[in-house]
């Protein structure tokens, strides 16, 4: 798939998805990027792909940090604090992976990305 097709698909997704679905999609993409690096750890372009995946994850989690820090955020305070603490853990792990690369260190961030995405895809109980 060429880059123009990817950009068109991504643009279309943004127009069709709700906020929660979009967040889940972006987190899934972040997890997939890390998972691909982990599965291709010995690839010649690993460092470049790792940096791209880490930067993307950092952007995603920075967005969540900004949203959750907003006093007008509708989530309960304890849930916001828990997710903010999780984001701090993710940041630390990603910096650690960049400083001392080991593919096993990616597993926890991949799991967090995928699990939060799965939670966003569920319908909240009334």
N, C-alpha and C. Protein backbone atom coordinates (compact mmCIF):
# COMPACT_ATOMS: atom_id res chain seq x y z
N UNK A 1 0.85 -1.17 0.00
CA UNK A 1 0.00 0.00 0.00
C UNK A 1 0.90 1.23 0.00
N UNK A 2 0.68 2.14 -0.94
CA UNK A 2 1.54 3.32 -0.98
C UNK A 2 1.11 4.34 0.07
N UNK A 3 1.97 5.32 0.30
CA UNK A 3 1.74 6.29 1.37
C UNK A 3 0.47 7.10 1.14
N UNK A 4 0.14 7.43 -0.12
CA UNK A 4 -1.07 8.19 -0.39
C UNK A 4 -2.32 7.41 0.02
N UNK A 5 -2.31 6.10 -0.22
CA UNK A 5 -3.44 5.27 0.18
C UNK A 5 -3.57 5.21 1.69
N UNK A 6 -2.44 5.09 2.37
CA UNK A 6 -2.44 5.06 3.84
C UNK A 6 -2.98 6.38 4.38
N UNK A 7 -2.53 7.49 3.83
CA UNK A 7 -2.99 8.81 4.29
C UNK A 7 -4.49 8.98 4.04
N UNK A 8 -4.97 8.53 2.89
CA UNK A 8 -6.40 8.63 2.59
C UNK A 8 -7.22 7.79 3.56
N UNK A 9 -6.76 6.58 3.85
CA UNK A 9 -7.46 5.70 4.79
C UNK A 9 -7.47 6.31 6.19
N UNK A 10 -6.34 6.84 6.63
CA UNK A 10 -6.24 7.45 7.96
C UNK A 10 -7.16 8.65 8.05
N UNK A 11 -7.20 9.47 7.00
CA UNK A 11 -8.06 10.64 6.98
C UNK A 11 -9.53 10.23 7.05
N UNK A 12 -9.91 9.19 6.31
CA UNK A 12 -11.28 8.70 6.32
C UNK A 12 -11.64 8.18 7.70
N UNK A 13 -10.72 7.47 8.36
CA UNK A 13 -10.97 6.95 9.70
C UNK A 13 -11.28 8.09 10.66
N UNK A 14 -10.54 9.17 10.58
CA UNK A 14 -10.74 10.30 11.48
C UNK A 14 -12.13 10.89 11.33
N UNK A 15 -12.66 10.88 10.11
CA UNK A 15 -13.97 11.46 9.86
C UNK A 15 -15.10 10.56 10.34
N UNK A 16 -14.89 9.25 10.39
CA UNK A 16 -15.95 8.30 10.67
C UNK A 16 -15.99 7.87 12.14
N UNK A 17 -14.87 7.84 12.81
CA UNK A 17 -14.80 7.30 14.15
C UNK A 17 -15.21 8.31 15.22
N UNK A 18 -15.88 7.79 16.28
CA UNK A 18 -16.20 8.64 17.43
C UNK A 18 -14.93 8.87 18.24
N UNK A 19 -15.01 9.70 19.27
CA UNK A 19 -13.85 10.00 20.10
C UNK A 19 -13.23 8.76 20.71
N UNK A 20 -14.05 7.92 21.36
CA UNK A 20 -13.53 6.70 21.98
C UNK A 20 -12.97 5.74 20.94
N UNK A 21 -13.67 5.60 19.82
CA UNK A 21 -13.19 4.71 18.76
C UNK A 21 -11.88 5.20 18.17
N UNK A 22 -11.77 6.51 18.01
CA UNK A 22 -10.54 7.09 17.47
C UNK A 22 -9.39 6.87 18.44
N UNK A 23 -9.64 7.10 19.73
CA UNK A 23 -8.60 6.86 20.74
C UNK A 23 -8.18 5.39 20.74
N UNK A 24 -9.14 4.48 20.64
CA UNK A 24 -8.84 3.05 20.61
C UNK A 24 -8.02 2.71 19.37
N UNK A 25 -8.39 3.29 18.24
CA UNK A 25 -7.68 3.03 17.00
C UNK A 25 -6.23 3.52 17.07
N UNK A 26 -6.04 4.70 17.63
CA UNK A 26 -4.70 5.28 17.74
C UNK A 26 -3.85 4.45 18.70
N UNK A 27 -4.43 4.04 19.83
CA UNK A 27 -3.69 3.19 20.78
C UNK A 27 -3.34 1.84 20.16
N UNK A 28 -4.27 1.29 19.39
CA UNK A 28 -3.98 0.02 18.71
C UNK A 28 -2.83 0.18 17.73
N UNK A 29 -2.85 1.28 16.99
CA UNK A 29 -1.75 1.55 16.05
C UNK A 29 -0.42 1.67 16.80
N UNK A 30 -0.45 2.36 17.94
CA UNK A 30 0.76 2.52 18.74
C UNK A 30 1.29 1.16 19.20
N UNK A 31 0.38 0.30 19.66
CA UNK A 31 0.77 -1.04 20.09
C UNK A 31 1.30 -1.87 18.94
N UNK A 32 0.66 -1.76 17.80
CA UNK A 32 1.09 -2.52 16.61
C UNK A 32 2.48 -2.09 16.18
N UNK A 33 2.74 -0.80 16.21
CA UNK A 33 4.07 -0.31 15.81
C UNK A 33 5.15 -0.91 16.72
N UNK A 34 4.90 -0.90 18.03
CA UNK A 34 5.87 -1.49 18.96
C UNK A 34 5.99 -2.99 18.76
N UNK A 35 4.86 -3.65 18.53
CA UNK A 35 4.86 -5.11 18.34
C UNK A 35 5.66 -5.48 17.09
N UNK A 36 5.53 -4.72 16.03
CA UNK A 36 6.29 -4.99 14.81
C UNK A 36 7.78 -4.85 15.05
N UNK A 37 8.18 -3.86 15.81
CA UNK A 37 9.60 -3.69 16.15
C UNK A 37 10.06 -4.89 16.96
N UNK A 38 9.27 -5.27 17.95
CA UNK A 38 9.63 -6.39 18.81
C UNK A 38 9.77 -7.69 18.01
N UNK A 39 8.86 -7.92 17.09
CA UNK A 39 8.88 -9.15 16.29
C UNK A 39 10.00 -9.15 15.25
N UNK A 40 10.52 -7.98 14.90
CA UNK A 40 11.59 -7.86 13.91
C UNK A 40 12.82 -7.21 14.54
N UNK A 41 13.12 -7.61 15.75
CA UNK A 41 14.17 -6.99 16.56
C UNK A 41 15.53 -6.99 15.86
N UNK A 42 15.83 -8.02 15.09
CA UNK A 42 17.14 -8.12 14.45
C UNK A 42 17.19 -7.46 13.07
N UNK A 43 16.13 -6.74 12.70
CA UNK A 43 16.11 -6.08 11.39
C UNK A 43 17.15 -4.96 11.34
N UNK A 44 17.65 -4.73 10.15
CA UNK A 44 18.68 -3.70 9.97
C UNK A 44 18.17 -2.30 10.32
N UNK A 45 16.89 -2.06 10.12
CA UNK A 45 16.32 -0.73 10.38
C UNK A 45 15.62 -0.65 11.74
N UNK A 46 15.97 -1.56 12.65
CA UNK A 46 15.30 -1.62 13.95
C UNK A 46 15.36 -0.29 14.70
N UNK A 47 16.52 0.33 14.77
CA UNK A 47 16.64 1.56 15.55
C UNK A 47 15.73 2.67 15.02
N UNK A 48 15.64 2.78 13.71
CA UNK A 48 14.75 3.77 13.10
C UNK A 48 13.29 3.46 13.40
N UNK A 49 12.91 2.20 13.24
CA UNK A 49 11.52 1.79 13.50
C UNK A 49 11.19 1.92 14.98
N UNK A 50 12.14 1.59 15.84
CA UNK A 50 11.94 1.71 17.29
C UNK A 50 11.71 3.18 17.65
N UNK A 51 12.54 4.05 17.13
CA UNK A 51 12.39 5.48 17.41
C UNK A 51 11.04 5.99 16.93
N UNK A 52 10.63 5.59 15.73
CA UNK A 52 9.32 6.00 15.21
C UNK A 52 8.19 5.52 16.11
N UNK A 53 8.26 4.26 16.52
CA UNK A 53 7.20 3.68 17.36
C UNK A 53 7.17 4.34 18.74
N UNK A 54 8.33 4.59 19.30
CA UNK A 54 8.39 5.25 20.62
C UNK A 54 7.86 6.68 20.52
N UNK A 55 8.26 7.41 19.49
CA UNK A 55 7.78 8.79 19.32
C UNK A 55 6.26 8.82 19.17
N UNK A 56 5.73 7.88 18.38
CA UNK A 56 4.28 7.84 18.19
C UNK A 56 3.58 7.55 19.52
N UNK A 57 4.09 6.58 20.27
CA UNK A 57 3.50 6.26 21.57
C UNK A 57 3.58 7.46 22.51
N UNK A 58 4.70 8.16 22.50
CA UNK A 58 4.84 9.33 23.37
C UNK A 58 3.83 10.41 23.01
N UNK A 59 3.59 10.61 21.73
CA UNK A 59 2.59 11.60 21.30
C UNK A 59 1.20 11.19 21.79
N UNK A 60 0.87 9.92 21.63
CA UNK A 60 -0.43 9.43 22.05
C UNK A 60 -0.63 9.64 23.55
N UNK A 61 0.36 9.23 24.33
CA UNK A 61 0.24 9.33 25.78
C UNK A 61 0.33 10.78 26.24
N UNK A 62 1.05 11.63 25.53
CA UNK A 62 1.07 13.06 25.86
C UNK A 62 -0.30 13.68 25.65
N UNK A 63 -0.98 13.25 24.60
CA UNK A 63 -2.34 13.72 24.36
C UNK A 63 -3.25 13.33 25.53
N UNK A 64 -3.16 12.07 25.96
CA UNK A 64 -3.97 11.62 27.09
C UNK A 64 -3.63 12.42 28.35
N UNK A 65 -2.35 12.67 28.56
CA UNK A 65 -1.95 13.45 29.75
C UNK A 65 -2.58 14.84 29.72
N UNK A 66 -2.55 15.47 28.57
CA UNK A 66 -3.14 16.81 28.45
C UNK A 66 -4.65 16.76 28.68
N UNK A 67 -5.31 15.80 28.08
CA UNK A 67 -6.76 15.68 28.25
C UNK A 67 -7.14 15.37 29.69
N UNK A 68 -6.40 14.49 30.32
CA UNK A 68 -6.72 14.07 31.68
C UNK A 68 -6.36 15.13 32.71
N UNK A 69 -5.47 16.02 32.38
CA UNK A 69 -5.07 17.10 33.29
C UNK A 69 -6.06 18.25 33.28
N UNK A 70 -6.92 18.26 32.29
CA UNK A 70 -7.92 19.32 32.17
C UNK A 70 -8.96 19.17 33.28
N UNK A 71 -9.13 20.20 34.11
CA UNK A 71 -10.11 20.10 35.20
C UNK A 71 -11.54 19.87 34.71
N UNK A 72 -11.81 20.20 33.46
CA UNK A 72 -13.15 20.01 32.88
C UNK A 72 -13.36 18.59 32.35
N UNK A 73 -12.34 17.74 32.43
CA UNK A 73 -12.47 16.37 31.95
C UNK A 73 -13.57 15.67 32.73
N UNK A 74 -14.51 15.00 32.03
CA UNK A 74 -15.67 14.41 32.71
C UNK A 74 -15.39 13.10 33.46
N UNK A 75 -14.23 12.51 33.28
CA UNK A 75 -13.94 11.25 33.99
C UNK A 75 -13.81 11.49 35.49
N UNK A 76 -14.16 10.49 36.28
CA UNK A 76 -13.97 10.62 37.73
C UNK A 76 -12.50 10.88 38.06
N UNK A 77 -12.27 11.68 39.08
CA UNK A 77 -10.92 12.11 39.44
C UNK A 77 -9.98 10.92 39.67
N UNK A 78 -10.44 9.89 40.38
CA UNK A 78 -9.56 8.75 40.67
C UNK A 78 -9.18 7.99 39.39
N UNK A 79 -10.09 7.91 38.44
CA UNK A 79 -9.77 7.24 37.16
C UNK A 79 -8.76 8.07 36.38
N UNK A 80 -8.95 9.39 36.36
CA UNK A 80 -7.99 10.27 35.68
C UNK A 80 -6.60 10.12 36.29
N UNK A 81 -6.54 10.10 37.62
CA UNK A 81 -5.25 9.96 38.30
C UNK A 81 -4.60 8.61 37.99
N UNK A 82 -5.39 7.54 37.95
CA UNK A 82 -4.85 6.22 37.64
C UNK A 82 -4.27 6.17 36.24
N UNK A 83 -4.99 6.76 35.28
CA UNK A 83 -4.50 6.75 33.90
C UNK A 83 -3.28 7.66 33.76
N UNK A 84 -3.27 8.78 34.47
CA UNK A 84 -2.09 9.65 34.45
C UNK A 84 -0.87 8.93 35.02
N UNK A 85 -1.06 8.19 36.11
CA UNK A 85 0.04 7.41 36.68
C UNK A 85 0.51 6.34 35.70
N UNK A 86 -0.42 5.73 35.01
CA UNK A 86 -0.07 4.73 33.99
C UNK A 86 0.73 5.40 32.87
N UNK A 87 0.34 6.60 32.49
CA UNK A 87 1.06 7.30 31.42
C UNK A 87 2.48 7.64 31.84
N UNK A 88 2.68 7.95 33.11
CA UNK A 88 4.03 8.22 33.61
C UNK A 88 4.87 6.96 33.53
N UNK A 89 4.28 5.82 33.89
CA UNK A 89 4.99 4.54 33.77
C UNK A 89 5.37 4.27 32.32
N UNK A 90 4.43 4.50 31.39
CA UNK A 90 4.69 4.27 29.97
C UNK A 90 5.84 5.16 29.51
N UNK A 91 5.81 6.44 29.88
CA UNK A 91 6.90 7.36 29.51
C UNK A 91 8.25 6.84 29.99
N UNK A 92 8.30 6.46 31.26
CA UNK A 92 9.56 5.97 31.83
C UNK A 92 10.05 4.72 31.09
N UNK A 93 9.14 3.81 30.80
CA UNK A 93 9.52 2.57 30.11
C UNK A 93 10.03 2.87 28.71
N UNK A 94 9.38 3.78 28.01
CA UNK A 94 9.81 4.10 26.64
C UNK A 94 11.19 4.75 26.64
N UNK A 95 11.45 5.64 27.60
CA UNK A 95 12.79 6.24 27.70
C UNK A 95 13.83 5.16 28.04
N UNK A 96 13.45 4.25 28.89
CA UNK A 96 14.35 3.16 29.26
C UNK A 96 14.68 2.29 28.03
N UNK A 97 13.68 2.03 27.22
CA UNK A 97 13.90 1.22 26.01
C UNK A 97 14.84 1.94 25.04
N UNK A 98 14.69 3.24 24.94
CA UNK A 98 15.59 3.99 24.05
C UNK A 98 17.02 3.99 24.60
N UNK A 99 17.16 4.12 25.90
CA UNK A 99 18.49 4.17 26.51
C UNK A 99 19.16 2.80 26.51
N UNK A 100 18.39 1.77 26.83
CA UNK A 100 18.91 0.40 26.93
C UNK A 100 17.97 -0.55 26.20
N UNK A 101 18.06 -0.60 24.86
CA UNK A 101 17.10 -1.37 24.07
C UNK A 101 17.13 -2.87 24.36
N UNK A 102 15.97 -3.39 24.72
CA UNK A 102 15.73 -4.82 24.86
C UNK A 102 14.29 -5.06 24.44
N UNK A 103 14.09 -6.03 23.57
CA UNK A 103 12.75 -6.23 23.03
C UNK A 103 11.74 -6.63 24.10
N UNK A 104 12.18 -7.31 25.15
CA UNK A 104 11.26 -7.74 26.20
C UNK A 104 10.64 -6.55 26.93
N UNK A 105 11.36 -5.44 26.99
CA UNK A 105 10.86 -4.25 27.68
C UNK A 105 9.65 -3.64 26.99
N UNK A 106 9.46 -3.96 25.72
CA UNK A 106 8.34 -3.41 24.97
C UNK A 106 7.02 -4.09 25.34
N UNK A 107 7.08 -5.31 25.84
CA UNK A 107 5.86 -6.10 26.07
C UNK A 107 4.85 -5.39 26.95
N UNK A 108 5.28 -4.79 28.04
CA UNK A 108 4.34 -4.16 28.96
C UNK A 108 3.64 -2.97 28.31
N UNK A 109 4.35 -2.19 27.52
CA UNK A 109 3.73 -1.03 26.85
C UNK A 109 2.77 -1.51 25.77
N UNK A 110 3.16 -2.54 25.05
CA UNK A 110 2.26 -3.13 24.04
C UNK A 110 0.98 -3.60 24.71
N UNK A 111 1.11 -4.32 25.82
CA UNK A 111 -0.07 -4.81 26.54
C UNK A 111 -0.95 -3.66 27.03
N UNK A 112 -0.33 -2.61 27.55
CA UNK A 112 -1.09 -1.46 28.02
C UNK A 112 -1.84 -0.81 26.86
N UNK A 113 -1.14 -0.57 25.75
CA UNK A 113 -1.79 0.03 24.58
C UNK A 113 -3.00 -0.78 24.14
N UNK A 114 -2.81 -2.10 23.99
CA UNK A 114 -3.90 -2.95 23.51
C UNK A 114 -5.03 -3.07 24.53
N UNK A 115 -4.71 -3.15 25.81
CA UNK A 115 -5.76 -3.29 26.83
C UNK A 115 -6.58 -2.02 26.99
N UNK A 116 -5.93 -0.87 26.97
CA UNK A 116 -6.68 0.39 27.05
C UNK A 116 -7.54 0.54 25.80
N UNK A 117 -7.00 0.19 24.63
CA UNK A 117 -7.78 0.26 23.39
C UNK A 117 -9.00 -0.65 23.48
N UNK A 118 -8.83 -1.85 24.00
CA UNK A 118 -9.96 -2.78 24.14
C UNK A 118 -11.01 -2.20 25.10
N UNK A 119 -10.57 -1.59 26.18
CA UNK A 119 -11.50 -0.98 27.12
C UNK A 119 -12.27 0.17 26.50
N UNK A 120 -11.62 0.94 25.65
CA UNK A 120 -12.30 2.04 24.97
C UNK A 120 -13.33 1.55 23.97
N UNK A 121 -13.14 0.36 23.47
CA UNK A 121 -14.08 -0.20 22.48
C UNK A 121 -15.32 -0.81 23.13
N UNK A 122 -15.29 -1.03 24.43
CA UNK A 122 -16.46 -1.59 25.12
C UNK A 122 -17.46 -0.48 25.39
N UNK A 123 -18.70 -0.86 25.46
CA UNK A 123 -19.75 0.10 25.76
C UNK A 123 -19.88 0.24 27.27
N UNK A 124 -19.76 1.46 27.78
CA UNK A 124 -19.90 1.64 29.23
C UNK A 124 -21.30 1.24 29.69
N UNK A 125 -21.36 0.64 30.88
CA UNK A 125 -22.65 0.27 31.44
C UNK A 125 -23.38 1.53 31.88
N UNK A 126 -24.68 1.53 31.73
CA UNK A 126 -25.49 2.69 32.13
C UNK A 126 -25.66 2.73 33.62
